[in-house]
Amino acid sequence: MPILFFALMNMMVRLAGDLPSIEKSFFRNFVAVFFALIALKKSHTPVHIPKGQLKNLLMRSICGTLGILCNYYAIDHLMLADASILNKLSPFFAILFSFLLLKEKIHPFAASCVCIAFIGSLFVIKPGFASVTALPAFIGLLGGMGAGIAYTMVRVLGTHGVKGPIIVFYFSAFSCLFVLPYLIFDYTPMTGKQLVTLLMAGLFAAGGQFTITAAYTYAPAGKISI
C-alpha cells in the first residue's frame, strides 16, 4: 500500500505544475497533520513527546523533511520514472542504516539487492559534468538516503513503544514549520486546480505515511524494506 500511495502522490506533485518544491512540501505535510490529529483524538492519545524520544523524533523529522524536499526537486527536474526510481532507493538505505544504528543483521540476499540498487542508480544519475540531469539526480539520491534514515528512525521509535500517529504528527508538523518562513516571504500564487492537486498529493502522502510507519514499527527494517 505505501508504494501505491506514494506513486499517486508523486503523480499529483508533478501535475501541480511549476511551483517551488518547498511550497509543494508544505501542502503535502499539512494534510497529514490533520489526519494524525484525528487519529490521536480517536485513540485518546495525548499529543506530547514520549520520554527520552525527542532526539529520535527530531532525527526522523529532519531526515524525512530532507527526503521530501530532495524528492520533489528531483520530480520537477527529472523524468517522473527516474525520480521515482531514485526515491525508491530508500528501502536499501534503510537496510544499511538499520545495520549501523540497530545492529540488525543483513541477509546476503538483501546485501546483494543493495549493491544492485546502487549500480542501477548510476544508470539514472549518469555521473559526469556533461549531463544536465546529474545534479537533480544526485539530489534525488540524497532524498532516497534521507528517507531511508527516516524509516530506520521510525523503526527505532517503534521499538520504544512510540505510536504511529505520534510519529506522523511530529514529522508532518516539523516539516510544515521548517518551510513556513519560505512561504511567508516568497509565496508563489497558485490556481484553484493546483491547490486541489496539492491537497490530493497530501491525501495520498498521508495514506503512505500511516501505512509505511505501521510497517516499519512492527517489523525489522531489513526484512520489510525489500
Protein backbone atom coordinates (compact mmCIF):
# COMPACT_ATOMS: atom_id res chain seq x y z
CA MET A 1 0.00 0.00 0.00
CA PRO A 2 2.73 2.61 0.75
CA ILE A 3 4.14 2.10 -2.75
CA LEU A 4 0.75 2.79 -4.31
CA PHE A 5 0.08 5.85 -2.13
CA PHE A 6 3.49 7.40 -2.77
CA ALA A 7 3.29 6.72 -6.51
CA LEU A 8 -0.03 8.58 -6.63
CA MET A 9 1.48 11.36 -4.54
CA ASN A 10 4.38 11.75 -7.00
CA MET A 11 1.94 11.93 -9.88
CA MET A 12 -0.08 14.68 -8.16
CA VAL A 13 3.07 16.63 -7.32
CA ARG A 14 4.08 16.54 -10.98
CA LEU A 15 0.57 17.54 -12.11
CA ALA A 16 0.69 20.56 -9.77
CA GLY A 17 2.99 22.16 -12.31
CA ASP A 18 5.63 24.84 -11.93
CA LEU A 19 5.55 25.54 -8.20
CA PRO A 20 8.51 25.62 -5.79
CA SER A 21 9.39 22.25 -4.24
CA ILE A 22 9.21 23.79 -0.77
CA GLU A 23 5.67 25.00 -1.37
CA LYS A 24 4.63 21.56 -2.56
CA SER A 25 6.23 20.04 0.53
CA PHE A 26 4.18 22.25 2.84
CA PHE A 27 0.83 21.18 1.45
CA ARG A 28 1.95 17.55 1.32
CA ASN A 29 2.52 17.55 5.10
CA PHE A 30 -0.25 19.99 6.04
CA VAL A 31 -2.91 17.37 5.24
CA ALA A 32 -1.05 14.66 7.17
CA VAL A 33 -1.01 16.83 10.32
CA PHE A 34 -4.81 16.86 10.44
CA PHE A 35 -5.12 13.14 9.76
CA ALA A 36 -2.65 12.43 12.56
CA LEU A 37 -4.54 14.69 14.95
CA ILE A 38 -7.82 12.90 14.14
CA ALA A 39 -6.16 9.51 14.73
CA LEU A 40 -4.73 10.69 18.06
CA LYS A 41 -8.08 12.05 19.19
CA LYS A 42 -9.91 8.83 18.29
CA SER A 43 -7.40 6.73 20.21
CA HIS A 44 -7.37 9.22 23.14
CA THR A 45 -3.60 9.54 22.84
CA PRO A 46 -2.11 12.75 24.29
CA VAL A 47 -0.07 14.91 21.91
CA HIS A 48 3.24 15.01 23.73
CA ILE A 49 6.76 13.78 23.08
CA PRO A 50 7.34 10.42 24.78
CA LYS A 51 10.03 10.50 27.44
CA GLY A 52 13.53 10.15 26.03
CA GLN A 53 12.39 10.16 22.39
CA LEU A 54 12.97 13.82 21.44
CA LYS A 55 16.29 13.06 19.74
CA ASN A 56 14.84 10.16 17.74
CA LEU A 57 11.77 12.18 16.69
CA LEU A 58 13.99 15.08 15.59
CA MET A 59 16.21 12.74 13.60
CA ARG A 60 13.20 11.18 11.92
CA SER A 61 11.71 14.62 11.18
CA ILE A 62 14.91 16.23 9.85
CA CYS A 63 15.85 13.32 7.59
CA GLY A 64 12.26 12.87 6.44
CA THR A 65 11.97 16.55 5.54
CA LEU A 66 15.27 16.39 3.64
CA GLY A 67 13.96 13.34 1.80
CA ILE A 68 10.75 15.11 0.77
CA LEU A 69 12.42 18.31 -0.43
CA CYS A 70 15.03 16.44 -2.45
CA ASN A 71 12.42 14.08 -3.90
CA TYR A 72 10.17 16.94 -5.01
CA TYR A 73 13.12 18.76 -6.55
CA ALA A 74 14.01 15.62 -8.49
CA ILE A 75 10.40 15.17 -9.62
CA ASP A 76 10.41 18.72 -11.01
CA HIS A 77 13.72 18.34 -12.85
CA LEU A 78 13.80 14.71 -14.00
CA MET A 79 11.53 12.30 -15.76
CA LEU A 80 8.96 11.10 -13.23
CA ALA A 81 10.11 7.48 -13.62
CA ASP A 82 13.77 8.40 -12.93
CA ALA A 83 12.87 10.49 -9.89
CA SER A 84 10.70 7.67 -8.53
CA ILE A 85 13.49 5.12 -9.02
CA LEU A 86 15.93 7.26 -7.04
CA ASN A 87 13.40 7.80 -4.27
CA LYS A 88 12.73 4.05 -4.14
CA LEU A 89 16.35 3.55 -3.09
CA SER A 90 15.15 4.47 0.41
CA PRO A 91 14.46 0.82 1.41
CA PHE A 92 18.05 -0.11 0.60
CA PHE A 93 19.37 2.79 2.65
CA ALA A 94 17.01 1.60 5.41
CA ILE A 95 18.72 -1.81 5.34
CA LEU A 96 22.15 -0.18 5.58
CA PHE A 97 21.25 2.18 8.43
CA SER A 98 19.28 -0.47 10.32
CA PHE A 99 22.55 -2.41 10.39
CA LEU A 100 24.54 0.63 11.54
CA LEU A 101 22.03 2.01 14.06
CA LEU A 102 20.03 -1.03 15.19
CA LYS A 103 22.64 -3.74 14.61
CA GLU A 104 20.09 -5.71 12.60
CA LYS A 105 21.73 -8.44 10.56
CA ILE A 106 21.85 -8.01 6.79
CA HIS A 107 20.85 -11.14 4.91
CA PRO A 108 23.17 -11.93 1.94
CA PHE A 109 20.21 -11.57 -0.41
CA ALA A 110 19.44 -8.11 0.98
CA ALA A 111 23.11 -7.12 0.70
CA SER A 112 23.09 -8.21 -2.95
CA CYS A 113 19.96 -6.12 -3.56
CA VAL A 114 21.66 -3.08 -2.05
CA CYS A 115 24.65 -3.44 -4.38
CA ILE A 116 22.44 -3.94 -7.44
CA ALA A 117 20.30 -0.93 -6.44
CA PHE A 118 23.33 1.35 -6.26
CA ILE A 119 24.62 0.13 -9.60
CA GLY A 120 21.17 0.70 -11.09
CA SER A 121 21.04 4.21 -9.66
CA LEU A 122 24.23 5.09 -11.56
CA PHE A 123 22.40 4.49 -14.83
CA VAL A 124 19.86 7.10 -13.73
CA ILE A 125 22.33 9.58 -12.24
CA LYS A 126 24.78 9.32 -15.19
CA PRO A 127 27.63 10.91 -13.22
CA GLY A 128 29.68 13.48 -15.09
CA PHE A 129 29.73 17.21 -15.67
CA ALA A 130 28.38 16.85 -19.20
CA SER A 131 24.97 15.62 -18.07
CA VAL A 132 22.38 18.31 -17.34
CA THR A 133 20.47 15.83 -15.16
CA ALA A 134 23.43 14.89 -12.95
CA LEU A 135 22.69 17.44 -10.19
CA PRO A 136 18.92 16.77 -9.95
CA ALA A 137 19.64 13.03 -10.00
CA PHE A 138 22.21 13.38 -7.21
CA ILE A 139 19.73 15.41 -5.18
CA GLY A 140 17.15 12.68 -5.82
CA LEU A 141 19.66 10.14 -4.50
CA LEU A 142 20.11 12.26 -1.35
CA GLY A 143 16.33 12.24 -0.99
CA GLY A 144 16.31 8.46 -1.06
CA MET A 145 19.05 8.36 1.56
CA GLY A 146 17.20 10.84 3.79
CA ALA A 147 14.03 8.77 3.55
CA GLY A 148 15.97 5.59 4.32
CA ILE A 149 17.41 7.09 7.52
CA ALA A 150 13.96 8.42 8.43
CA TYR A 151 12.39 4.96 8.06
CA THR A 152 15.14 3.49 10.21
CA MET A 153 14.32 6.04 12.90
CA VAL A 154 10.65 5.03 12.63
CA ARG A 155 11.80 1.51 13.48
CA VAL A 156 13.81 2.88 16.43
CA LEU A 157 10.78 4.79 17.72
CA GLY A 158 8.55 1.76 17.24
CA THR A 159 10.84 -0.44 19.32
CA HIS A 160 10.49 2.14 22.10
CA GLY A 161 6.71 1.95 22.01
CA VAL A 162 6.03 5.26 20.24
CA LYS A 163 2.70 5.01 18.38
CA GLY A 164 2.42 5.61 14.64
CA PRO A 165 0.12 8.67 14.77
CA ILE A 166 2.56 10.39 17.15
CA ILE A 167 5.44 9.77 14.72
CA VAL A 168 3.41 11.01 11.74
CA PHE A 169 2.15 14.08 13.61
CA TYR A 170 5.53 15.35 14.79
CA PHE A 171 7.23 14.65 11.46
CA SER A 172 4.49 16.41 9.46
CA ALA A 173 4.28 19.35 11.87
CA PHE A 174 8.07 19.76 11.86
CA SER A 175 8.15 19.74 8.04
CA CYS A 176 5.42 22.38 7.83
CA LEU A 177 7.14 24.66 10.34
CA PHE A 178 10.50 24.16 8.63
CA VAL A 179 9.27 25.51 5.28
CA LEU A 180 6.83 28.09 6.70
CA PRO A 181 9.33 31.03 6.63
CA TYR A 182 9.86 30.42 2.92
CA LEU A 183 6.10 30.53 2.28
CA ILE A 184 5.74 33.75 4.26
CA PHE A 185 8.49 35.65 2.42
CA ASP A 186 8.43 34.07 -1.04
CA TYR A 187 4.98 32.57 -1.62
CA THR A 188 4.12 31.68 -5.22
CA PRO A 189 0.40 32.17 -6.01
CA MET A 190 -1.36 29.09 -7.36
CA THR A 191 -4.57 28.37 -9.21
CA GLY A 192 -7.53 26.57 -7.69
CA LYS A 193 -6.65 23.48 -9.74
CA GLN A 194 -3.09 23.49 -8.40
CA LEU A 195 -4.35 23.81 -4.84
CA VAL A 196 -6.72 20.86 -5.24
CA THR A 197 -3.95 18.81 -6.84
CA LEU A 198 -1.56 19.52 -3.95
CA LEU A 199 -4.25 18.68 -1.40
CA MET A 200 -4.75 15.37 -3.21
CA ALA A 201 -1.00 14.84 -3.04
CA GLY A 202 -1.23 15.48 0.69
CA LEU A 203 -4.09 12.98 1.00
CA PHE A 204 -2.10 10.23 -0.74
CA ALA A 205 1.01 11.18 1.23
CA ALA A 206 -0.90 10.82 4.49
CA GLY A 207 -2.02 7.34 3.45
CA GLY A 208 1.55 6.45 2.59
CA GLN A 209 2.87 7.84 5.87
CA PHE A 210 0.45 5.92 8.06
CA THR A 211 0.91 2.61 6.25
CA ILE A 212 4.69 2.76 5.99
CA THR A 213 5.00 3.92 9.61
CA ALA A 214 2.89 0.95 10.72
CA ALA A 215 5.03 -1.39 8.62
CA TYR A 216 8.37 -0.19 9.98
CA THR A 217 7.01 -0.07 13.52
CA TYR A 218 6.02 -3.73 13.62
CA ALA A 219 8.71 -5.38 11.51
CA PRO A 220 12.52 -5.15 11.19
CA ALA A 221 13.59 -2.61 8.58
CA GLY A 222 15.92 -5.10 6.90
CA LYS A 223 13.08 -7.54 6.27
CA ILE A 224 10.22 -5.25 5.30
CA SER A 225 12.07 -2.73 3.16
CA ILE A 226 12.76 -5.18 0.31
